[in-house]
Amino acid sequence: MSTNSPPAAAPTVSSAEQAEIAAVPARMVAAWAAHDADAFADLFTEDGTLILPGVYKKSRDEIREFMASQYAGPYQGTRVTGTPIGLKPLAADAVALLTTGGVIASGETELADGDAIRASWILVWRDGRWQLAVYQNCPRD
């Protein structure tokens, strides 16, 4: 005979935690504006994952190397934008953050529709701060 336990209460996120979580995309925007691969990679856990169309990086070091090469190449002179559109608590120390945004081409002032993306950020609380365990984006349309 099996017994069914009532479902556990859904985790909640305080307004202070929401502000800390929402600051992570802002730190990514700042790292990108400075073309700072170290600051970008430091947003991730040591074993963090970055998934972009055609890209799969599996550690902070791989992410750092990839972003350094991109800032020196195709991302040179670009900016990035992102706005949170949803937050889903997964556990007491993990959340899914959903954003919309994209890469603003060099010399442009606005995001082109064709460059718009939606992104999923899986953040975990580690070492006293929210860090990216997984970041993945895909075209918005």
Protein backbone atom coordinates (compact mmCIF):
# COMPACT_ATOMS: atom_id res chain seq x y z
CA MET A 1 0.00 0.00 0.00
CA SER A 2 1.38 3.38 -0.94
CA THR A 3 0.79 6.64 0.77
CA ASN A 4 0.71 9.99 -0.89
CA SER A 5 2.37 12.86 0.85
CA PRO A 6 0.98 16.33 0.36
CA PRO A 7 3.06 18.38 -2.05
CA ALA A 8 5.77 20.48 -0.50
CA ALA A 9 5.06 24.17 -0.27
CA ALA A 10 6.33 26.05 -3.28
CA PRO A 11 9.53 27.97 -2.60
CA THR A 12 9.21 31.72 -2.43
CA VAL A 13 11.60 34.54 -3.25
CA SER A 14 11.74 37.64 -1.06
CA SER A 15 11.78 41.10 -2.61
CA ALA A 16 15.42 41.50 -1.52
CA GLU A 17 16.29 38.23 -3.28
CA GLN A 18 14.35 39.33 -6.37
CA ALA A 19 16.45 42.51 -6.50
CA GLU A 20 19.69 40.50 -6.15
CA ILE A 21 18.56 38.11 -8.90
CA ALA A 22 17.50 40.94 -11.22
CA ALA A 23 20.95 42.50 -10.73
CA VAL A 24 22.62 39.53 -12.44
CA PRO A 25 21.47 40.55 -15.96
CA ALA A 26 22.59 44.11 -15.19
CA ARG A 27 26.06 42.78 -14.28
CA MET A 28 26.12 40.86 -17.56
CA VAL A 29 25.22 44.05 -19.47
CA ALA A 30 28.07 45.88 -17.67
CA ALA A 31 30.59 43.09 -18.32
CA TRP A 32 29.61 43.06 -22.00
CA ALA A 33 29.84 46.86 -22.29
CA ALA A 34 33.41 46.66 -20.98
CA HIS A 35 34.12 43.58 -23.15
CA ASP A 36 35.36 42.01 -19.93
CA ALA A 37 35.45 38.23 -20.39
CA ASP A 38 36.56 37.73 -16.76
CA ALA A 39 33.59 39.66 -15.34
CA PHE A 40 31.23 37.85 -17.74
CA ALA A 41 32.56 34.40 -16.78
CA ASP A 42 32.50 35.25 -13.07
CA LEU A 43 28.70 35.46 -13.27
CA PHE A 44 28.74 31.65 -13.63
CA THR A 45 29.38 28.84 -11.19
CA GLU A 46 32.73 27.07 -11.66
CA ASP A 47 30.90 24.33 -13.59
CA GLY A 48 28.42 26.73 -15.25
CA THR A 49 27.01 26.13 -18.71
CA LEU A 50 26.55 28.62 -21.56
CA ILE A 51 24.29 27.59 -24.45
CA LEU A 52 23.83 29.86 -27.45
CA PRO A 53 22.83 28.90 -30.99
CA GLY A 54 25.79 26.77 -32.13
CA VAL A 55 27.66 27.20 -28.82
CA TYR A 56 27.95 24.88 -25.80
CA LYS A 57 30.48 25.77 -23.08
CA LYS A 58 30.70 23.71 -19.89
CA SER A 59 32.81 25.61 -17.38
CA ARG A 60 33.69 29.09 -16.21
CA ASP A 61 37.09 28.74 -17.90
CA GLU A 62 35.55 27.68 -21.24
CA ILE A 63 33.07 30.56 -21.01
CA ARG A 64 35.88 33.04 -20.27
CA GLU A 65 37.95 31.83 -23.25
CA PHE A 66 34.93 31.89 -25.57
CA MET A 67 33.86 35.40 -24.58
CA ALA A 68 37.43 36.75 -24.86
CA SER A 69 37.59 35.44 -28.43
CA GLN A 70 34.16 36.84 -29.26
CA TYR A 71 34.91 40.29 -27.82
CA ALA A 72 38.05 40.37 -29.99
CA GLY A 73 36.05 39.15 -33.00
CA PRO A 74 32.35 39.22 -33.89
CA TYR A 75 31.18 40.90 -30.65
CA GLN A 76 33.74 43.73 -30.90
CA GLY A 77 31.93 47.04 -30.47
CA THR A 78 28.59 45.41 -29.63
CA ARG A 79 26.40 45.95 -26.59
CA VAL A 80 23.85 43.66 -25.00
CA THR A 81 20.48 44.42 -23.49
CA GLY A 82 18.20 42.31 -21.34
CA THR A 83 15.05 42.74 -19.30
CA PRO A 84 13.59 40.21 -16.85
CA ILE A 85 10.13 38.97 -17.90
CA GLY A 86 9.60 36.17 -15.41
CA LEU A 87 10.96 34.54 -12.27
CA LYS A 88 10.21 30.99 -11.12
CA PRO A 89 11.53 29.71 -7.80
CA LEU A 90 12.78 26.12 -8.20
CA ALA A 91 14.10 25.49 -4.69
CA ALA A 92 15.22 27.52 -1.70
CA ASP A 93 18.56 28.17 -3.43
CA ALA A 94 17.64 27.98 -7.14
CA VAL A 95 15.51 30.05 -9.52
CA ALA A 96 14.74 30.27 -13.21
CA LEU A 97 14.89 33.83 -14.54
CA LEU A 98 13.44 34.57 -17.97
CA THR A 99 14.57 37.59 -19.97
CA THR A 100 14.15 39.21 -23.33
CA GLY A 101 16.89 41.20 -25.02
CA GLY A 102 19.73 40.67 -27.46
CA VAL A 103 22.99 41.91 -28.93
CA ILE A 104 22.96 45.46 -30.27
CA ALA A 105 25.23 45.59 -33.32
CA SER A 106 28.27 47.84 -33.37
CA GLY A 107 27.31 51.38 -34.37
CA GLU A 108 23.59 50.81 -33.74
CA THR A 109 21.55 52.45 -30.99
CA GLU A 110 18.65 49.98 -30.87
CA LEU A 111 18.21 46.23 -30.95
CA ALA A 112 17.22 44.98 -34.40
CA ASP A 113 14.15 42.70 -34.41
CA GLY A 114 16.20 39.92 -36.01
CA ASP A 115 18.70 40.04 -33.13
CA ALA A 116 16.10 39.81 -30.35
CA ILE A 117 16.29 36.78 -28.06
CA ARG A 118 14.57 35.16 -25.11
CA ALA A 119 16.80 33.65 -22.46
CA SER A 120 16.59 31.23 -19.56
CA TRP A 121 18.87 31.80 -16.61
CA ILE A 122 19.11 29.06 -13.96
CA LEU A 123 20.64 30.77 -10.94
CA VAL A 124 21.83 29.12 -7.74
CA TRP A 125 22.84 30.64 -4.42
CA ARG A 126 26.52 29.79 -3.93
CA ASP A 127 29.34 31.41 -2.02
CA GLY A 128 27.08 34.21 -0.78
CA ARG A 129 25.73 35.32 -4.16
CA TRP A 130 23.43 34.33 -7.00
CA GLN A 131 25.43 32.67 -9.79
CA LEU A 132 24.49 31.28 -13.17
CA ALA A 133 24.44 27.49 -13.31
CA VAL A 134 22.98 27.57 -16.84
CA TYR A 135 22.36 30.35 -19.35
CA GLN A 136 20.60 29.55 -22.63
CA ASN A 137 19.10 31.79 -25.29
CA CYS A 138 17.35 31.43 -28.60
CA PRO A 139 15.89 33.78 -31.21
CA ARG A 140 12.77 35.56 -29.99
CA ASP A 141 10.84 35.00 -33.22
